[in-house]
Amino acid sequence: MVHALYYPLLVAGATVAASLTGCQLSLSYVSVPAILSVPDVSEYAMLSMWRVTFNKGFYLCPTQALLSSLLFLLNAILTFFNQDASSADSKSTYPLVVAAVFAISLVPYTLTVIVPLEETLLKRQGNLSRGNLEQSSKGKVKNTEATADAIRSREMMERWISLNYIRTLLPLTTVVWVWTRCW
């Protein structure tokens, strides 16, 4: 027999992971592509809009990953201490621990794969906002350099979208795992 909080914790953890999946997907499919779809947008404006999106996601997404993981770990601990070895209906802690690992895996993936790209984009935006690159609008050669910089920034944002689609799969994997292994 499962403990009284097994299913409520399972539903809560899966709901938070599903919400995180939607959050990540909306960044890759809606928010950043909307920024890139603006015609003739300056590099500064493009990177400033990206920074706002980044800041919102920075506070929302890791918190959801941590919460989902903690809910699954709490459920695993309660399951472990309430196991009845003689009951055929008892649930294993293993699938819950795996769900917790899937849920939190978004954080190390982000730190190792995405953060270096994000730091570059944030640094570029910071340099532009401080006026370090404003002189690129003067003269034909510098104007060409500004265009090349804007193209590089756009390419980096497109790469970020691709990497974020991969990041979206991590909480989605959590939801699928929980749905197929823990019910």
N, C-alpha and C. Protein backbone atom coordinates (compact mmCIF):
# COMPACT_ATOMS: atom_id res chain seq x y z
N MET A 1 0.84 -1.18 0.00
CA MET A 1 0.00 0.00 0.00
C MET A 1 0.89 1.25 0.00
N VAL A 2 0.52 2.22 -0.79
CA VAL A 2 1.31 3.45 -0.88
C VAL A 2 0.92 4.40 0.24
N HIS A 3 1.84 5.30 0.56
CA HIS A 3 1.55 6.28 1.61
C HIS A 3 0.52 7.29 1.10
N ALA A 4 -0.07 8.00 2.03
CA ALA A 4 -1.20 8.89 1.71
C ALA A 4 -0.83 10.03 0.77
N LEU A 5 0.42 10.46 0.76
CA LEU A 5 0.82 11.59 -0.08
C LEU A 5 1.43 11.16 -1.41
N TYR A 6 1.47 9.85 -1.67
CA TYR A 6 2.14 9.37 -2.88
C TYR A 6 1.58 10.03 -4.15
N TYR A 7 0.29 9.90 -4.36
CA TYR A 7 -0.30 10.44 -5.60
C TYR A 7 -0.36 11.97 -5.62
N PRO A 8 -0.70 12.63 -4.52
CA PRO A 8 -0.66 14.10 -4.56
C PRO A 8 0.75 14.64 -4.88
N LEU A 9 1.79 14.05 -4.30
CA LEU A 9 3.16 14.49 -4.60
C LEU A 9 3.55 14.16 -6.03
N LEU A 10 3.09 13.01 -6.49
CA LEU A 10 3.37 12.60 -7.88
C LEU A 10 2.72 13.57 -8.87
N VAL A 11 1.48 13.90 -8.62
CA VAL A 11 0.76 14.83 -9.50
C VAL A 11 1.40 16.22 -9.43
N ALA A 12 1.75 16.66 -8.23
CA ALA A 12 2.36 17.98 -8.08
C ALA A 12 3.70 18.05 -8.81
N GLY A 13 4.55 17.04 -8.64
CA GLY A 13 5.85 17.01 -9.32
C GLY A 13 5.71 16.97 -10.83
N ALA A 14 4.78 16.14 -11.31
CA ALA A 14 4.57 16.03 -12.76
C ALA A 14 3.97 17.32 -13.32
N THR A 15 3.11 17.97 -12.56
CA THR A 15 2.50 19.23 -13.01
C THR A 15 3.55 20.33 -13.12
N VAL A 16 4.43 20.41 -12.14
CA VAL A 16 5.50 21.42 -12.20
C VAL A 16 6.44 21.12 -13.37
N ALA A 17 6.77 19.85 -13.59
CA ALA A 17 7.63 19.49 -14.72
C ALA A 17 6.95 19.80 -16.05
N ALA A 18 5.64 19.56 -16.13
CA ALA A 18 4.90 19.89 -17.36
C ALA A 18 4.87 21.39 -17.59
N SER A 19 4.70 22.15 -16.52
CA SER A 19 4.72 23.61 -16.62
C SER A 19 6.09 24.09 -17.10
N LEU A 20 7.14 23.49 -16.58
CA LEU A 20 8.49 23.83 -17.01
C LEU A 20 8.70 23.49 -18.48
N THR A 21 8.17 22.38 -18.92
CA THR A 21 8.24 22.02 -20.34
C THR A 21 7.59 23.10 -21.19
N GLY A 22 6.42 23.55 -20.78
CA GLY A 22 5.73 24.61 -21.51
C GLY A 22 6.49 25.92 -21.50
N CYS A 23 7.08 26.23 -20.36
CA CYS A 23 7.90 27.45 -20.25
C CYS A 23 9.06 27.41 -21.24
N GLN A 24 9.80 26.33 -21.22
CA GLN A 24 10.95 26.19 -22.10
C GLN A 24 10.53 26.21 -23.57
N LEU A 25 9.45 25.52 -23.88
CA LEU A 25 8.97 25.48 -25.25
C LEU A 25 8.54 26.87 -25.72
N SER A 26 7.90 27.62 -24.85
CA SER A 26 7.44 28.96 -25.25
C SER A 26 8.62 29.88 -25.54
N LEU A 27 9.72 29.69 -24.83
CA LEU A 27 10.91 30.51 -25.10
C LEU A 27 11.47 30.21 -26.49
N SER A 28 11.55 28.93 -26.84
CA SER A 28 12.14 28.54 -28.12
C SER A 28 11.20 28.72 -29.30
N TYR A 29 9.92 28.54 -29.06
CA TYR A 29 8.97 28.55 -30.17
C TYR A 29 8.28 29.90 -30.36
N VAL A 30 8.19 30.69 -29.28
CA VAL A 30 7.43 31.94 -29.36
C VAL A 30 8.31 33.16 -29.09
N SER A 31 8.86 33.25 -27.91
CA SER A 31 9.51 34.49 -27.46
C SER A 31 10.71 34.89 -28.30
N VAL A 32 11.72 34.05 -28.36
CA VAL A 32 12.94 34.42 -29.08
C VAL A 32 12.71 34.49 -30.59
N PRO A 33 11.94 33.57 -31.19
CA PRO A 33 11.65 33.74 -32.62
C PRO A 33 10.89 35.04 -32.91
N ALA A 34 10.05 35.49 -31.99
CA ALA A 34 9.35 36.77 -32.19
C ALA A 34 10.35 37.92 -32.23
N ILE A 35 11.35 37.86 -31.38
CA ILE A 35 12.40 38.89 -31.40
C ILE A 35 13.13 38.86 -32.74
N LEU A 36 13.47 37.67 -33.20
CA LEU A 36 14.22 37.54 -34.45
C LEU A 36 13.39 37.87 -35.69
N SER A 37 12.08 37.85 -35.55
CA SER A 37 11.22 38.10 -36.71
C SER A 37 11.03 39.59 -37.01
N VAL A 38 11.45 40.45 -36.10
CA VAL A 38 11.31 41.89 -36.33
C VAL A 38 12.29 42.30 -37.43
N PRO A 39 11.77 42.85 -38.53
CA PRO A 39 12.67 43.22 -39.63
C PRO A 39 13.49 44.47 -39.27
N ASP A 40 14.71 44.49 -39.74
CA ASP A 40 15.61 45.64 -39.58
C ASP A 40 15.76 46.09 -38.13
N VAL A 41 15.71 45.16 -37.20
CA VAL A 41 15.91 45.52 -35.79
C VAL A 41 17.42 45.68 -35.55
N SER A 42 17.76 46.67 -34.75
CA SER A 42 19.18 46.88 -34.44
C SER A 42 19.67 45.77 -33.53
N GLU A 43 20.97 45.56 -33.54
CA GLU A 43 21.56 44.55 -32.67
C GLU A 43 21.26 44.88 -31.21
N TYR A 44 21.36 46.15 -30.86
CA TYR A 44 21.09 46.56 -29.48
C TYR A 44 19.65 46.23 -29.08
N ALA A 45 18.69 46.58 -29.93
CA ALA A 45 17.28 46.31 -29.61
C ALA A 45 17.03 44.80 -29.51
N MET A 46 17.59 44.05 -30.45
CA MET A 46 17.41 42.60 -30.47
C MET A 46 17.97 41.97 -29.19
N LEU A 47 19.18 42.36 -28.83
CA LEU A 47 19.80 41.80 -27.63
C LEU A 47 19.14 42.29 -26.35
N SER A 48 18.62 43.50 -26.36
CA SER A 48 17.90 44.02 -25.19
C SER A 48 16.61 43.25 -24.96
N MET A 49 15.89 42.94 -26.03
CA MET A 49 14.67 42.13 -25.91
C MET A 49 15.01 40.72 -25.44
N TRP A 50 16.11 40.18 -25.96
CA TRP A 50 16.53 38.84 -25.54
C TRP A 50 16.89 38.84 -24.05
N ARG A 51 17.54 39.90 -23.60
CA ARG A 51 17.93 39.99 -22.18
C ARG A 51 16.70 39.98 -21.27
N VAL A 52 15.65 40.69 -21.65
CA VAL A 52 14.42 40.69 -20.84
C VAL A 52 13.85 39.27 -20.77
N THR A 53 13.80 38.60 -21.89
CA THR A 53 13.31 37.22 -21.94
C THR A 53 14.19 36.31 -21.08
N PHE A 54 15.49 36.48 -21.22
CA PHE A 54 16.46 35.70 -20.43
C PHE A 54 16.22 35.91 -18.93
N ASN A 55 16.07 37.15 -18.51
CA ASN A 55 15.88 37.45 -17.09
C ASN A 55 14.63 36.80 -16.53
N LYS A 56 13.55 36.81 -17.30
CA LYS A 56 12.31 36.16 -16.84
C LYS A 56 12.53 34.66 -16.68
N GLY A 57 13.12 34.04 -17.69
CA GLY A 57 13.38 32.60 -17.65
C GLY A 57 14.37 32.21 -16.57
N PHE A 58 15.33 33.09 -16.29
CA PHE A 58 16.36 32.82 -15.29
C PHE A 58 15.75 32.59 -13.91
N TYR A 59 14.71 33.32 -13.58
CA TYR A 59 14.09 33.17 -12.26
C TYR A 59 13.00 32.11 -12.24
N LEU A 60 12.38 31.87 -13.37
CA LEU A 60 11.25 30.95 -13.40
C LEU A 60 11.67 29.49 -13.59
N CYS A 61 12.51 29.24 -14.54
CA CYS A 61 12.78 27.85 -14.95
C CYS A 61 13.60 27.03 -13.95
N PRO A 62 14.74 27.52 -13.45
CA PRO A 62 15.48 26.69 -12.48
C PRO A 62 14.67 26.42 -11.21
N THR A 63 13.85 27.37 -10.80
CA THR A 63 13.01 27.19 -9.61
C THR A 63 12.04 26.04 -9.82
N GLN A 64 11.44 25.98 -11.00
CA GLN A 64 10.50 24.89 -11.28
C GLN A 64 11.23 23.55 -11.34
N ALA A 65 12.42 23.53 -11.92
CA ALA A 65 13.19 22.28 -11.98
C ALA A 65 13.51 21.79 -10.57
N LEU A 66 13.94 22.71 -9.71
CA LEU A 66 14.27 22.35 -8.34
C LEU A 66 13.04 21.88 -7.57
N LEU A 67 11.93 22.59 -7.71
CA LEU A 67 10.70 22.21 -7.01
C LEU A 67 10.22 20.83 -7.44
N SER A 68 10.20 20.59 -8.73
CA SER A 68 9.76 19.29 -9.25
C SER A 68 10.66 18.18 -8.70
N SER A 69 11.95 18.40 -8.74
CA SER A 69 12.89 17.40 -8.25
C SER A 69 12.69 17.13 -6.75
N LEU A 70 12.52 18.20 -5.98
CA LEU A 70 12.31 18.04 -4.54
C LEU A 70 11.02 17.28 -4.23
N LEU A 71 9.97 17.53 -5.00
CA LEU A 71 8.71 16.81 -4.80
C LEU A 71 8.89 15.31 -5.05
N PHE A 72 9.63 14.97 -6.11
CA PHE A 72 9.88 13.54 -6.39
C PHE A 72 10.77 12.91 -5.33
N LEU A 73 11.78 13.65 -4.86
CA LEU A 73 12.65 13.12 -3.81
C LEU A 73 11.90 12.92 -2.50
N LEU A 74 11.08 13.89 -2.15
CA LEU A 74 10.26 13.75 -0.94
C LEU A 74 9.36 12.52 -1.05
N ASN A 75 8.77 12.34 -2.21
CA ASN A 75 7.91 11.18 -2.43
C ASN A 75 8.72 9.88 -2.32
N ALA A 76 9.94 9.88 -2.86
CA ALA A 76 10.80 8.69 -2.77
C ALA A 76 11.14 8.37 -1.31
N ILE A 77 11.46 9.40 -0.54
CA ILE A 77 11.80 9.20 0.87
C ILE A 77 10.60 8.65 1.64
N LEU A 78 9.44 9.28 1.43
CA LEU A 78 8.23 8.79 2.12
C LEU A 78 7.89 7.37 1.68
N THR A 79 8.07 7.08 0.42
CA THR A 79 7.80 5.73 -0.08
C THR A 79 8.76 4.72 0.54
N PHE A 80 10.02 5.08 0.62
CA PHE A 80 11.03 4.19 1.19
C PHE A 80 10.69 3.85 2.65
N PHE A 81 10.33 4.85 3.44
CA PHE A 81 10.07 4.62 4.86
C PHE A 81 8.68 4.04 5.13
N ASN A 82 7.84 3.99 4.13
CA ASN A 82 6.49 3.42 4.31
C ASN A 82 6.29 2.15 3.51
N GLN A 83 7.37 1.56 3.02
CA GLN A 83 7.25 0.34 2.22
C GLN A 83 6.83 -0.83 3.10
N ASP A 84 5.94 -1.62 2.56
CA ASP A 84 5.51 -2.84 3.21
C ASP A 84 6.00 -3.98 2.31
N ALA A 85 7.03 -4.65 2.74
CA ALA A 85 7.67 -5.68 1.91
C ALA A 85 6.70 -6.80 1.53
N SER A 86 5.70 -7.03 2.34
CA SER A 86 4.77 -8.13 2.06
C SER A 86 3.67 -7.73 1.08
N SER A 87 3.53 -6.44 0.82
CA SER A 87 2.45 -5.99 -0.06
C SER A 87 2.90 -5.99 -1.52
N ALA A 88 2.09 -6.58 -2.36
CA ALA A 88 2.39 -6.61 -3.79
C ALA A 88 2.09 -5.26 -4.44
N ASP A 89 1.35 -4.40 -3.74
CA ASP A 89 0.95 -3.10 -4.29
C ASP A 89 1.95 -1.99 -3.96
N SER A 90 3.01 -2.34 -3.23
CA SER A 90 3.93 -1.27 -2.81
C SER A 90 4.69 -0.72 -4.02
N LYS A 91 4.99 0.57 -3.96
CA LYS A 91 5.70 1.27 -5.04
C LYS A 91 7.18 1.32 -4.71
N SER A 92 7.98 1.26 -5.73
CA SER A 92 9.43 1.33 -5.57
C SER A 92 9.88 2.78 -5.53
N THR A 93 10.96 3.04 -4.83
CA THR A 93 11.52 4.39 -4.79
C THR A 93 12.33 4.69 -6.03
N TYR A 94 12.84 3.67 -6.72
CA TYR A 94 13.70 3.85 -7.88
C TYR A 94 13.11 4.78 -8.95
N PRO A 95 11.88 4.54 -9.42
CA PRO A 95 11.34 5.44 -10.45
C PRO A 95 11.20 6.89 -9.98
N LEU A 96 10.96 7.08 -8.70
CA LEU A 96 10.83 8.44 -8.16
C LEU A 96 12.19 9.14 -8.12
N VAL A 97 13.22 8.42 -7.78
CA VAL A 97 14.56 9.00 -7.77
C VAL A 97 14.99 9.34 -9.20
N VAL A 98 14.70 8.46 -10.13
CA VAL A 98 15.02 8.73 -11.54
C VAL A 98 14.26 9.97 -12.02
N ALA A 99 13.00 10.11 -11.63
CA ALA A 99 12.22 11.29 -12.00
C ALA A 99 12.85 12.55 -11.43
N ALA A 100 13.33 12.47 -10.19
CA ALA A 100 13.98 13.63 -9.57
C ALA A 100 15.25 14.01 -10.34
N VAL A 101 16.01 13.03 -10.77
CA VAL A 101 17.23 13.29 -11.53
C VAL A 101 16.89 13.91 -12.89
N PHE A 102 15.89 13.36 -13.56
CA PHE A 102 15.46 13.95 -14.84
C PHE A 102 15.05 15.41 -14.65
N ALA A 103 14.29 15.66 -13.59
CA ALA A 103 13.76 17.01 -13.35
C ALA A 103 14.87 18.03 -13.11
N ILE A 104 15.86 17.66 -12.35
CA ILE A 104 16.93 18.61 -12.02
C ILE A 104 18.01 18.64 -13.09
N SER A 105 18.01 17.69 -14.01
CA SER A 105 19.05 17.62 -15.05
C SER A 105 19.08 18.87 -15.92
N LEU A 106 18.01 19.62 -15.94
CA LEU A 106 17.97 20.88 -16.69
C LEU A 106 19.05 21.84 -16.20
N VAL A 107 19.33 21.82 -14.91
CA VAL A 107 20.29 22.77 -14.34
C VAL A 107 21.73 22.48 -14.81
N PRO A 108 22.25 21.26 -14.66
CA PRO A 108 23.62 21.03 -15.15
C PRO A 108 23.74 21.18 -16.67
N TYR A 109 22.71 20.79 -17.42
CA TYR A 109 22.72 20.99 -18.87
C TYR A 109 22.85 22.48 -19.18
N THR A 110 22.07 23.27 -18.49
CA THR A 110 22.11 24.72 -18.70
C THR A 110 23.49 25.28 -18.36
N LEU A 111 24.03 24.88 -17.22
CA LEU A 111 25.31 25.42 -16.78
C LEU A 111 26.46 25.04 -17.71
N THR A 112 26.43 23.83 -18.24
CA THR A 112 27.56 23.39 -19.07
C THR A 112 27.40 23.72 -20.55
N VAL A 113 26.18 23.73 -21.06
CA VAL A 113 25.98 23.89 -22.50
C VAL A 113 25.48 25.28 -22.88
N ILE A 114 24.52 25.81 -22.14
CA ILE A 114 23.85 27.04 -22.55
C ILE A 114 24.44 28.30 -21.94
N VAL A 115 24.89 28.24 -20.70
CA VAL A 115 25.40 29.43 -20.02
C VAL A 115 26.54 30.12 -20.78
N PRO A 116 27.51 29.39 -21.34
CA PRO A 116 28.56 30.11 -22.09
C PRO A 116 28.00 30.97 -23.23
N LEU A 117 27.02 30.45 -23.94
CA LEU A 117 26.39 31.21 -25.02
C LEU A 117 25.60 32.39 -24.45
N GLU A 118 24.87 32.17 -23.37
CA GLU A 118 24.12 33.25 -22.74
C GLU A 118 25.04 34.35 -22.24
N GLU A 119 26.16 33.96 -21.65
CA GLU A 119 27.12 34.97 -21.17
C GLU A 119 27.64 35.83 -22.31
N THR A 120 27.89 35.21 -23.46
CA THR A 120 28.36 35.97 -24.63
C THR A 120 27.28 36.95 -25.09
N LEU A 121 26.04 36.49 -25.17
CA LEU A 121 24.95 37.37 -25.59
C LEU A 121 24.76 38.52 -24.60
N LEU A 122 24.80 38.21 -23.32
CA LEU A 122 24.63 39.25 -22.30
C LEU A 122 25.79 40.25 -22.34
N LYS A 123 26.98 39.75 -22.56
CA LYS A 123 28.14 40.65 -22.65
C LYS A 123 28.02 41.57 -23.86
N ARG A 124 27.59 41.02 -24.99
CA ARG A 124 27.41 41.84 -26.20
C ARG A 124 26.36 42.93 -25.94
N GLN A 125 25.27 42.56 -25.30
CA GLN A 125 24.22 43.54 -25.02
C GLN A 125 24.73 44.59 -24.05
N GLY A 126 25.48 44.16 -23.06
CA GLY A 126 26.05 45.10 -22.10
C GLY A 126 27.01 46.08 -22.75
N ASN A 127 27.83 45.59 -23.66
CA ASN A 127 28.76 46.47 -24.37
C ASN A 127 28.00 47.48 -25.21
N LEU A 128 26.95 47.04 -25.87
CA LEU A 128 26.15 47.95 -26.68
C LEU A 128 25.45 48.99 -25.82
N SER A 129 24.95 48.57 -24.69
CA SER A 129 24.21 49.51 -23.84
C SER A 129 25.13 50.56 -23.22
N ARG A 130 26.39 50.22 -23.05
CA ARG A 130 27.35 51.19 -22.51
C ARG A 130 27.93 52.06 -23.61
N GLY A 131 27.52 51.83 -24.83
CA GLY A 131 27.97 52.67 -25.93
C GLY A 131 29.33 52.30 -26.48
N ASN A 132 29.84 51.14 -26.10
CA ASN A 132 31.16 50.74 -26.59
C ASN A 132 31.17 50.46 -28.09
N LEU A 133 30.01 50.14 -28.64
CA LEU A 133 29.97 49.82 -30.06
C LEU A 133 29.18 50.85 -30.87
N GLU A 134 28.79 51.96 -30.25
CA GLU A 134 27.99 52.96 -30.95
C GLU A 134 28.73 53.58 -32.12
N GLN A 135 30.03 53.63 -32.05
CA GLN A 135 30.79 54.26 -33.11
C GLN A 135 30.77 53.43 -34.39
N SER A 136 30.23 52.23 -34.33
CA SER A 136 30.19 51.40 -35.53
C SER A 136 29.25 51.96 -36.58
N SER A 137 28.39 52.90 -36.21
CA SER A 137 27.49 53.50 -37.19
C SER A 137 28.18 54.58 -38.02
N LYS A 138 29.41 54.93 -37.68
CA LYS A 138 30.14 55.96 -38.42
C LYS A 138 31.10 55.29 -39.40
N GLY A 139 31.05 55.69 -40.63
CA GLY A 139 31.99 55.18 -41.63
C GLY A 139 31.53 53.88 -42.22
N LYS A 140 31.91 53.66 -43.47
CA LYS A 140 31.47 52.49 -44.22
C LYS A 140 32.06 51.20 -43.65
N VAL A 141 33.33 51.21 -43.31
CA VAL A 141 33.98 50.00 -42.81
C VAL A 141 33.38 49.59 -41.48
N LYS A 142 33.22 50.54 -40.58
CA LYS A 142 32.66 50.21 -39.27
C LYS A 142 31.20 49.81 -39.37
N ASN A 143 30.47 50.39 -40.31
CA ASN A 143 29.08 50.01 -40.50
C ASN A 143 29.00 48.55 -40.95
N THR A 144 29.92 48.13 -41.80
CA THR A 144 29.98 46.74 -42.24
C THR A 144 30.29 45.83 -41.04
N GLU A 145 31.18 46.29 -40.16
CA GLU A 145 31.49 45.52 -38.95
C GLU A 145 30.26 45.41 -38.05
N ALA A 146 29.50 46.49 -37.93
CA ALA A 146 28.28 46.46 -37.11
C ALA A 146 27.28 45.46 -37.67
N THR A 147 27.14 45.43 -39.00
CA THR A 147 26.24 44.47 -39.63
C THR A 147 26.71 43.05 -39.37
N ALA A 148 28.00 42.82 -39.48
CA ALA A 148 28.55 41.49 -39.21
C ALA A 148 28.32 41.10 -37.75
N ASP A 149 28.48 42.05 -36.84
CA ASP A 149 28.22 41.77 -35.42
C ASP A 149 26.76 41.42 -35.19
N ALA A 150 25.86 42.16 -35.83
CA ALA A 150 24.43 41.89 -35.68
C ALA A 150 24.09 40.51 -36.23
N ILE A 151 24.71 40.14 -37.33
CA ILE A 151 24.47 38.80 -37.90
C ILE A 151 24.98 37.73 -36.94
N ARG A 152 26.15 37.96 -36.34
CA ARG A 152 26.68 36.99 -35.36
C ARG A 152 25.76 36.88 -34.15
N SER A 153 25.25 38.00 -33.68
CA SER A 153 24.32 37.96 -32.54
C SER A 153 23.06 37.19 -32.90
N ARG A 154 22.55 37.42 -34.08
CA ARG A 154 21.36 36.70 -34.54
C ARG A 154 21.64 35.20 -34.63
N GLU A 155 22.79 34.84 -35.16
CA GLU A 155 23.16 33.42 -35.25
C GLU A 155 23.29 32.79 -33.87
N MET A 156 23.85 33.53 -32.93
CA MET A 156 23.96 33.01 -31.56
C MET A 156 22.58 32.82 -30.94
N MET A 157 21.66 33.73 -31.21
CA MET A 157 20.30 33.58 -30.68
C MET A 157 19.61 32.37 -31.32
N GLU A 158 19.85 32.14 -32.59
CA GLU A 158 19.28 30.96 -33.25
C GLU A 158 19.88 29.68 -32.67
N ARG A 159 21.15 29.71 -32.37
CA ARG A 159 21.79 28.55 -31.71
C ARG A 159 21.19 28.34 -30.33
N TRP A 160 20.94 29.45 -29.61
CA TRP A 160 20.32 29.35 -28.29
C TRP A 160 18.95 28.68 -28.40
N ILE A 161 18.18 29.04 -29.43
CA ILE A 161 16.87 28.41 -29.62
C ILE A 161 17.03 26.90 -29.75
N SER A 162 17.97 26.46 -30.58
CA SER A 162 18.19 25.02 -30.77
C SER A 162 18.58 24.33 -29.46
N LEU A 163 19.49 24.94 -28.73
CA LEU A 163 19.91 24.35 -27.45
C LEU A 163 18.77 24.34 -26.45
N ASN A 164 17.92 25.35 -26.48
CA ASN A 164 16.80 25.40 -25.56
C ASN A 164 15.73 24.36 -25.91
N TYR A 165 15.59 24.04 -27.20
CA TYR A 165 14.69 22.95 -27.57
C TYR A 165 15.16 21.64 -26.92
N ILE A 166 16.46 21.41 -26.91
CA ILE A 166 17.00 20.22 -26.25
C ILE A 166 16.70 20.29 -24.76
N ARG A 167 16.88 21.46 -24.18
CA ARG A 167 16.61 21.65 -22.74
C ARG A 167 15.13 21.37 -22.44
N THR A 168 14.26 21.66 -23.38
CA THR A 168 12.83 21.40 -23.21
C THR A 168 12.54 19.91 -23.05
N LEU A 169 13.36 19.08 -23.67
CA LEU A 169 13.15 17.64 -23.60
C LEU A 169 13.39 17.07 -22.20
N LEU A 170 14.18 17.76 -21.39
CA LEU A 170 14.51 17.23 -20.07
C LEU A 170 13.29 17.17 -19.14
N PRO A 171 12.56 18.26 -18.94
CA PRO A 171 11.36 18.12 -18.10
C PRO A 171 10.26 17.30 -18.78
N LEU A 172 10.22 17.31 -20.11
CA LEU A 172 9.25 16.47 -20.82
C LEU A 172 9.54 14.99 -20.55
N THR A 173 10.82 14.63 -20.54
CA THR A 173 11.22 13.26 -20.21
C THR A 173 10.75 12.91 -18.80
N THR A 174 10.84 13.85 -17.90
CA THR A 174 10.38 13.63 -16.52
C THR A 174 8.89 13.28 -16.51
N VAL A 175 8.10 14.07 -17.22
CA VAL A 175 6.65 13.84 -17.25
C VAL A 175 6.33 12.47 -17.84
N VAL A 176 6.97 12.14 -18.95
CA VAL A 176 6.73 10.84 -19.60
C VAL A 176 7.16 9.70 -18.68
N TRP A 177 8.31 9.84 -18.05
CA TRP A 177 8.81 8.82 -17.13
C TRP A 177 7.82 8.60 -15.99
N VAL A 178 7.39 9.68 -15.37
CA VAL A 178 6.46 9.57 -14.24
C VAL A 178 5.15 8.93 -14.70
N TRP A 179 4.67 9.36 -15.83
CA TRP A 179 3.39 8.84 -16.33
C TRP A 179 3.47 7.34 -16.61
N THR A 180 4.62 6.88 -17.13
CA THR A 180 4.72 5.47 -17.52
C THR A 180 5.26 4.56 -16.42
N ARG A 181 5.99 5.12 -15.45
CA ARG A 181 6.67 4.26 -14.46
C ARG A 181 6.14 4.37 -13.04
N CYS A 182 5.46 5.44 -12.72
CA CYS A 182 5.11 5.66 -11.31
C CYS A 182 3.64 5.50 -10.98
N TRP A 183 2.80 5.37 -11.97
CA TRP A 183 1.36 5.24 -11.66
C TRP A 183 1.09 3.84 -11.30
